[in-house]
Amino acid sequence: MHAYLYTAFITLLTVALLFAVTFNVGRARGKYRIQAPAITGHEMFERAYRIQLNTIENVLMFLPALWLYAMFIGDKGAGDSGMIWLVGRIWYAIAYQTNPAKRSYGFLISLLVIAGLWLGAAYGIYGAYLKG
């Protein structure tokens, strides 16, 4: 078995999520006739665009925290946390697209997971440092 199988799987699913939100922006751009480089013009396009940007911003914090947690604490815990993060991000994306007022729980879930991964990684790194 590979050392970081669960973390690698979550990373692949994260890339798939990025593909999906990018595709959604392209679809909305065509459907609502928003010509590049414009980023405004129809509320539904703007929602799709914000979902994509916020997801990218979230991924920038998530992936390093995920991998550091996997390396210093454990792959299985990172994978489990990553699955919860993915559920939160999908919840966020669907809620934002359908009713932006209901996006908060998905957003909160993803941020709490990142915080947990970060704290776990920091603990693991500190423990490794103490062991020398």
N, C-alpha and C. Protein backbone atom coordinates (compact mmCIF):
# COMPACT_ATOMS: atom_id res chain seq x y z
N MET A 1 0.84 -1.18 0.00
CA MET A 1 0.00 0.00 0.00
C MET A 1 0.88 1.24 0.00
N HIS A 2 0.45 2.25 -0.67
CA HIS A 2 1.21 3.50 -0.75
C HIS A 2 1.05 4.31 0.53
N ALA A 3 2.09 5.04 0.88
CA ALA A 3 2.14 5.74 2.16
C ALA A 3 1.05 6.81 2.30
N TYR A 4 0.69 7.47 1.22
CA TYR A 4 -0.28 8.57 1.28
C TYR A 4 -1.44 8.35 0.33
N LEU A 5 -1.97 7.15 0.33
CA LEU A 5 -3.04 6.79 -0.58
C LEU A 5 -4.29 7.66 -0.39
N TYR A 6 -4.74 7.82 0.84
CA TYR A 6 -5.96 8.59 1.11
C TYR A 6 -5.79 10.07 0.76
N THR A 7 -4.64 10.60 1.14
CA THR A 7 -4.36 12.00 0.86
C THR A 7 -4.25 12.24 -0.64
N ALA A 8 -3.63 11.32 -1.35
CA ALA A 8 -3.53 11.45 -2.81
C ALA A 8 -4.91 11.38 -3.45
N PHE A 9 -5.76 10.49 -2.96
CA PHE A 9 -7.12 10.37 -3.50
C PHE A 9 -7.90 11.67 -3.28
N ILE A 10 -7.80 12.25 -2.10
CA ILE A 10 -8.48 13.51 -1.81
C ILE A 10 -7.92 14.61 -2.71
N THR A 11 -6.63 14.60 -2.96
CA THR A 11 -6.03 15.59 -3.86
C THR A 11 -6.61 15.46 -5.26
N LEU A 12 -6.76 14.23 -5.75
CA LEU A 12 -7.38 14.02 -7.06
C LEU A 12 -8.82 14.53 -7.09
N LEU A 13 -9.57 14.25 -6.04
CA LEU A 13 -10.95 14.74 -5.97
C LEU A 13 -10.99 16.27 -5.90
N THR A 14 -10.02 16.87 -5.24
CA THR A 14 -9.94 18.32 -5.16
C THR A 14 -9.70 18.92 -6.54
N VAL A 15 -8.81 18.30 -7.31
CA VAL A 15 -8.58 18.75 -8.69
C VAL A 15 -9.85 18.58 -9.52
N ALA A 16 -10.57 17.48 -9.32
CA ALA A 16 -11.84 17.28 -10.02
C ALA A 16 -12.84 18.38 -9.66
N LEU A 17 -12.88 18.76 -8.39
CA LEU A 17 -13.76 19.86 -7.97
C LEU A 17 -13.37 21.15 -8.67
N LEU A 18 -12.07 21.42 -8.76
CA LEU A 18 -11.62 22.62 -9.47
C LEU A 18 -12.02 22.59 -10.94
N PHE A 19 -11.90 21.43 -11.57
CA PHE A 19 -12.38 21.28 -12.96
C PHE A 19 -13.87 21.60 -13.04
N ALA A 20 -14.64 21.07 -12.10
CA ALA A 20 -16.09 21.25 -12.13
C ALA A 20 -16.49 22.72 -11.99
N VAL A 21 -15.88 23.42 -11.04
CA VAL A 21 -16.25 24.83 -10.86
C VAL A 21 -15.76 25.68 -12.03
N THR A 22 -14.64 25.30 -12.63
CA THR A 22 -14.15 26.00 -13.82
C THR A 22 -15.08 25.77 -15.00
N PHE A 23 -15.49 24.53 -15.17
CA PHE A 23 -16.44 24.20 -16.24
C PHE A 23 -17.74 24.97 -16.04
N ASN A 24 -18.19 25.08 -14.79
CA ASN A 24 -19.43 25.79 -14.50
C ASN A 24 -19.33 27.27 -14.89
N VAL A 25 -18.17 27.88 -14.66
CA VAL A 25 -17.98 29.27 -15.07
C VAL A 25 -18.05 29.39 -16.59
N GLY A 26 -17.39 28.49 -17.29
CA GLY A 26 -17.44 28.51 -18.76
C GLY A 26 -18.85 28.31 -19.28
N ARG A 27 -19.58 27.40 -18.67
CA ARG A 27 -20.97 27.15 -19.06
C ARG A 27 -21.81 28.40 -18.84
N ALA A 28 -21.65 29.02 -17.68
CA ALA A 28 -22.42 30.22 -17.37
C ALA A 28 -22.02 31.38 -18.29
N ARG A 29 -20.73 31.47 -18.62
CA ARG A 29 -20.27 32.52 -19.52
C ARG A 29 -20.98 32.41 -20.87
N GLY A 30 -21.09 31.19 -21.37
CA GLY A 30 -21.79 30.97 -22.64
C GLY A 30 -23.29 31.18 -22.52
N LYS A 31 -23.88 30.62 -21.48
CA LYS A 31 -25.34 30.69 -21.32
C LYS A 31 -25.83 32.13 -21.16
N TYR A 32 -25.08 32.94 -20.43
CA TYR A 32 -25.51 34.30 -20.16
C TYR A 32 -24.79 35.32 -21.04
N ARG A 33 -24.05 34.83 -22.02
CA ARG A 33 -23.36 35.66 -23.01
C ARG A 33 -22.45 36.73 -22.36
N ILE A 34 -21.60 36.26 -21.48
CA ILE A 34 -20.63 37.13 -20.84
C ILE A 34 -19.30 36.93 -21.57
N GLN A 35 -18.90 37.89 -22.35
CA GLN A 35 -17.67 37.78 -23.14
C GLN A 35 -16.45 38.06 -22.27
N ALA A 36 -15.45 37.21 -22.40
CA ALA A 36 -14.19 37.44 -21.70
C ALA A 36 -13.57 38.73 -22.22
N PRO A 37 -12.96 39.51 -21.39
CA PRO A 37 -12.56 39.25 -20.01
C PRO A 37 -13.58 39.73 -18.96
N ALA A 38 -14.79 40.08 -19.36
CA ALA A 38 -15.78 40.57 -18.41
C ALA A 38 -16.04 39.55 -17.30
N ILE A 39 -16.26 40.05 -16.10
CA ILE A 39 -16.57 39.17 -14.96
C ILE A 39 -17.86 39.59 -14.29
N THR A 40 -18.60 40.47 -14.93
CA THR A 40 -19.91 40.88 -14.43
C THR A 40 -20.89 40.89 -15.59
N GLY A 41 -22.17 40.94 -15.26
CA GLY A 41 -23.16 41.07 -16.31
C GLY A 41 -24.45 40.32 -16.07
N HIS A 42 -24.37 39.20 -15.38
CA HIS A 42 -25.58 38.44 -15.03
C HIS A 42 -25.33 37.79 -13.68
N GLU A 43 -26.32 37.89 -12.81
CA GLU A 43 -26.14 37.39 -11.45
C GLU A 43 -25.73 35.92 -11.40
N MET A 44 -26.30 35.08 -12.23
CA MET A 44 -25.98 33.65 -12.18
C MET A 44 -24.55 33.39 -12.63
N PHE A 45 -24.07 34.16 -13.61
CA PHE A 45 -22.66 34.04 -13.99
C PHE A 45 -21.78 34.49 -12.84
N GLU A 46 -22.13 35.62 -12.22
CA GLU A 46 -21.32 36.16 -11.13
C GLU A 46 -21.25 35.19 -9.96
N ARG A 47 -22.33 34.48 -9.70
CA ARG A 47 -22.31 33.46 -8.65
C ARG A 47 -21.32 32.35 -9.00
N ALA A 48 -21.40 31.87 -10.22
CA ALA A 48 -20.49 30.80 -10.65
C ALA A 48 -19.04 31.26 -10.55
N TYR A 49 -18.79 32.48 -10.95
CA TYR A 49 -17.45 33.03 -10.90
C TYR A 49 -16.95 33.15 -9.46
N ARG A 50 -17.80 33.62 -8.55
CA ARG A 50 -17.42 33.73 -7.14
C ARG A 50 -17.18 32.35 -6.52
N ILE A 51 -17.99 31.38 -6.91
CA ILE A 51 -17.78 30.01 -6.41
C ILE A 51 -16.39 29.54 -6.81
N GLN A 52 -16.04 29.76 -8.08
CA GLN A 52 -14.73 29.33 -8.56
C GLN A 52 -13.61 30.03 -7.80
N LEU A 53 -13.67 31.35 -7.70
CA LEU A 53 -12.60 32.09 -7.03
C LEU A 53 -12.48 31.72 -5.56
N ASN A 54 -13.62 31.60 -4.88
CA ASN A 54 -13.56 31.25 -3.47
C ASN A 54 -13.03 29.83 -3.28
N THR A 55 -13.37 28.94 -4.18
CA THR A 55 -12.86 27.57 -4.08
C THR A 55 -11.35 27.54 -4.28
N ILE A 56 -10.86 28.30 -5.25
CA ILE A 56 -9.41 28.38 -5.47
C ILE A 56 -8.72 28.94 -4.23
N GLU A 57 -9.29 30.01 -3.66
CA GLU A 57 -8.72 30.59 -2.45
C GLU A 57 -8.68 29.57 -1.31
N ASN A 58 -9.73 28.79 -1.20
CA ASN A 58 -9.83 27.79 -0.14
C ASN A 58 -8.83 26.66 -0.37
N VAL A 59 -8.68 26.23 -1.61
CA VAL A 59 -7.75 25.15 -1.94
C VAL A 59 -6.31 25.54 -1.60
N LEU A 60 -5.98 26.82 -1.75
CA LEU A 60 -4.62 27.27 -1.45
C LEU A 60 -4.26 27.06 0.02
N MET A 61 -5.24 27.10 0.89
CA MET A 61 -4.99 26.82 2.31
C MET A 61 -5.14 25.33 2.60
N PHE A 62 -6.10 24.69 1.92
CA PHE A 62 -6.44 23.30 2.21
C PHE A 62 -5.31 22.32 1.85
N LEU A 63 -4.81 22.38 0.63
CA LEU A 63 -3.85 21.36 0.19
C LEU A 63 -2.56 21.32 1.02
N PRO A 64 -1.93 22.46 1.31
CA PRO A 64 -0.73 22.36 2.17
C PRO A 64 -1.05 21.81 3.55
N ALA A 65 -2.15 22.26 4.14
CA ALA A 65 -2.53 21.76 5.47
C ALA A 65 -2.82 20.26 5.41
N LEU A 66 -3.50 19.82 4.36
CA LEU A 66 -3.82 18.40 4.18
C LEU A 66 -2.55 17.56 4.13
N TRP A 67 -1.60 17.95 3.28
CA TRP A 67 -0.39 17.16 3.10
C TRP A 67 0.52 17.21 4.32
N LEU A 68 0.61 18.36 4.97
CA LEU A 68 1.43 18.42 6.18
C LEU A 68 0.83 17.56 7.29
N TYR A 69 -0.49 17.58 7.41
CA TYR A 69 -1.16 16.71 8.38
C TYR A 69 -0.86 15.24 8.05
N ALA A 70 -0.99 14.89 6.80
CA ALA A 70 -0.74 13.49 6.39
C ALA A 70 0.68 13.06 6.74
N MET A 71 1.64 13.92 6.50
CA MET A 71 3.05 13.57 6.73
C MET A 71 3.40 13.50 8.21
N PHE A 72 2.82 14.38 9.02
CA PHE A 72 3.24 14.46 10.42
C PHE A 72 2.27 13.82 11.41
N ILE A 73 1.02 13.58 10.98
CA ILE A 73 0.04 12.94 11.87
C ILE A 73 -0.43 11.61 11.27
N GLY A 74 -0.95 11.63 10.05
CA GLY A 74 -1.38 10.37 9.46
C GLY A 74 -2.22 10.57 8.20
N ASP A 75 -2.06 9.62 7.30
CA ASP A 75 -2.75 9.66 6.01
C ASP A 75 -4.25 9.45 6.17
N LYS A 76 -4.66 8.52 7.00
CA LYS A 76 -6.09 8.21 7.13
C LYS A 76 -6.86 9.40 7.69
N GLY A 77 -6.33 10.03 8.71
CA GLY A 77 -6.98 11.21 9.28
C GLY A 77 -7.05 12.34 8.28
N ALA A 78 -5.99 12.51 7.50
CA ALA A 78 -5.99 13.53 6.46
C ALA A 78 -7.06 13.22 5.42
N GLY A 79 -7.15 11.95 5.04
CA GLY A 79 -8.15 11.55 4.06
C GLY A 79 -9.57 11.75 4.56
N ASP A 80 -9.82 11.38 5.80
CA ASP A 80 -11.15 11.59 6.39
C ASP A 80 -11.50 13.07 6.46
N SER A 81 -10.55 13.87 6.90
CA SER A 81 -10.76 15.31 6.97
C SER A 81 -10.98 15.90 5.58
N GLY A 82 -10.22 15.41 4.63
CA GLY A 82 -10.35 15.88 3.26
C GLY A 82 -11.72 15.58 2.68
N MET A 83 -12.27 14.43 3.02
CA MET A 83 -13.60 14.08 2.53
C MET A 83 -14.65 15.04 3.12
N ILE A 84 -14.49 15.37 4.38
CA ILE A 84 -15.41 16.33 5.00
C ILE A 84 -15.25 17.70 4.32
N TRP A 85 -14.01 18.09 4.04
CA TRP A 85 -13.77 19.36 3.35
C TRP A 85 -14.46 19.36 1.98
N LEU A 86 -14.33 18.27 1.24
CA LEU A 86 -14.98 18.19 -0.07
C LEU A 86 -16.49 18.31 0.04
N VAL A 87 -17.07 17.64 1.01
CA VAL A 87 -18.52 17.75 1.21
C VAL A 87 -18.89 19.20 1.50
N GLY A 88 -18.12 19.87 2.35
CA GLY A 88 -18.37 21.27 2.65
C GLY A 88 -18.27 22.16 1.42
N ARG A 89 -17.26 21.92 0.60
CA ARG A 89 -17.08 22.75 -0.60
C ARG A 89 -18.18 22.50 -1.63
N ILE A 90 -18.60 21.26 -1.77
CA ILE A 90 -19.70 20.96 -2.70
C ILE A 90 -20.99 21.58 -2.18
N TRP A 91 -21.23 21.46 -0.89
CA TRP A 91 -22.40 22.09 -0.26
C TRP A 91 -22.37 23.60 -0.54
N TYR A 92 -21.20 24.21 -0.29
CA TYR A 92 -21.03 25.64 -0.54
C TYR A 92 -21.37 26.00 -1.98
N ALA A 93 -20.82 25.26 -2.93
CA ALA A 93 -21.01 25.57 -4.35
C ALA A 93 -22.47 25.46 -4.76
N ILE A 94 -23.12 24.38 -4.35
CA ILE A 94 -24.53 24.18 -4.71
C ILE A 94 -25.40 25.25 -4.06
N ALA A 95 -25.15 25.51 -2.78
CA ALA A 95 -25.94 26.51 -2.07
C ALA A 95 -25.74 27.90 -2.67
N TYR A 96 -24.51 28.26 -2.96
CA TYR A 96 -24.23 29.58 -3.50
C TYR A 96 -24.92 29.76 -4.86
N GLN A 97 -24.88 28.72 -5.68
CA GLN A 97 -25.48 28.83 -7.01
C GLN A 97 -27.01 28.94 -6.93
N THR A 98 -27.61 28.25 -5.98
CA THR A 98 -29.07 28.25 -5.90
C THR A 98 -29.62 29.35 -5.00
N ASN A 99 -28.95 29.61 -3.86
CA ASN A 99 -29.41 30.64 -2.93
C ASN A 99 -28.21 31.08 -2.08
N PRO A 100 -27.54 32.14 -2.47
CA PRO A 100 -26.31 32.56 -1.78
C PRO A 100 -26.45 32.71 -0.27
N ALA A 101 -27.62 33.02 0.20
CA ALA A 101 -27.81 33.18 1.65
C ALA A 101 -27.59 31.88 2.41
N LYS A 102 -27.62 30.73 1.72
CA LYS A 102 -27.48 29.43 2.38
C LYS A 102 -26.10 28.81 2.21
N ARG A 103 -25.13 29.58 1.77
CA ARG A 103 -23.79 29.04 1.52
C ARG A 103 -22.94 28.94 2.77
N SER A 104 -23.34 29.58 3.85
CA SER A 104 -22.50 29.74 5.04
C SER A 104 -22.07 28.43 5.68
N TYR A 105 -22.97 27.45 5.77
CA TYR A 105 -22.61 26.19 6.44
C TYR A 105 -21.52 25.44 5.68
N GLY A 106 -21.65 25.39 4.37
CA GLY A 106 -20.61 24.73 3.58
C GLY A 106 -19.27 25.43 3.72
N PHE A 107 -19.31 26.75 3.71
CA PHE A 107 -18.10 27.55 3.88
C PHE A 107 -17.49 27.30 5.25
N LEU A 108 -18.31 27.31 6.29
CA LEU A 108 -17.84 27.09 7.65
C LEU A 108 -17.22 25.71 7.81
N ILE A 109 -17.86 24.70 7.26
CA ILE A 109 -17.31 23.33 7.33
C ILE A 109 -15.91 23.30 6.73
N SER A 110 -15.76 23.87 5.55
CA SER A 110 -14.45 23.81 4.90
C SER A 110 -13.40 24.58 5.69
N LEU A 111 -13.75 25.72 6.26
CA LEU A 111 -12.77 26.47 7.04
C LEU A 111 -12.41 25.76 8.34
N LEU A 112 -13.38 25.13 8.99
CA LEU A 112 -13.09 24.38 10.22
C LEU A 112 -12.17 23.20 9.93
N VAL A 113 -12.38 22.54 8.81
CA VAL A 113 -11.50 21.42 8.45
C VAL A 113 -10.08 21.93 8.22
N ILE A 114 -9.95 23.03 7.51
CA ILE A 114 -8.61 23.59 7.28
C ILE A 114 -7.95 23.93 8.61
N ALA A 115 -8.69 24.56 9.50
CA ALA A 115 -8.13 24.91 10.81
C ALA A 115 -7.69 23.67 11.56
N GLY A 116 -8.50 22.62 11.53
CA GLY A 116 -8.14 21.37 12.20
C GLY A 116 -6.90 20.73 11.59
N LEU A 117 -6.83 20.72 10.27
CA LEU A 117 -5.64 20.17 9.61
C LEU A 117 -4.41 20.99 9.95
N TRP A 118 -4.55 22.30 9.95
CA TRP A 118 -3.42 23.18 10.26
C TRP A 118 -2.94 22.96 11.69
N LEU A 119 -3.88 22.93 12.62
CA LEU A 119 -3.50 22.71 14.02
C LEU A 119 -2.85 21.34 14.22
N GLY A 120 -3.43 20.32 13.58
CA GLY A 120 -2.84 18.99 13.67
C GLY A 120 -1.44 18.94 13.08
N ALA A 121 -1.27 19.58 11.94
CA ALA A 121 0.05 19.61 11.30
C ALA A 121 1.05 20.35 12.18
N ALA A 122 0.63 21.48 12.75
CA ALA A 122 1.52 22.24 13.63
C ALA A 122 1.94 21.40 14.84
N TYR A 123 0.99 20.68 15.41
CA TYR A 123 1.27 19.79 16.54
C TYR A 123 2.27 18.71 16.12
N GLY A 124 2.02 18.10 14.96
CA GLY A 124 2.91 17.05 14.48
C GLY A 124 4.31 17.54 14.18
N ILE A 125 4.39 18.71 13.58
CA ILE A 125 5.71 19.29 13.26
C ILE A 125 6.45 19.62 14.56
N TYR A 126 5.74 20.19 15.51
CA TYR A 126 6.37 20.52 16.81
C TYR A 126 6.85 19.24 17.51
N GLY A 127 6.04 18.20 17.48
CA GLY A 127 6.45 16.93 18.07
C GLY A 127 7.68 16.34 17.40
N ALA A 128 7.72 16.43 16.07
CA ALA A 128 8.89 15.94 15.33
C ALA A 128 10.12 16.76 15.66
N TYR A 129 9.94 18.06 15.82
CA TYR A 129 11.04 18.93 16.18
C TYR A 129 11.62 18.56 17.55
N LEU A 130 10.72 18.29 18.50
CA LEU A 130 11.17 17.93 19.85
C LEU A 130 11.93 16.61 19.86
N LYS A 131 11.55 15.69 18.99
CA LYS A 131 12.25 14.39 18.91
C LYS A 131 13.60 14.53 18.24
N GLY A 132 13.79 15.64 17.53
CA GLY A 132 15.08 15.93 16.91
C GLY A 132 15.24 15.22 15.65
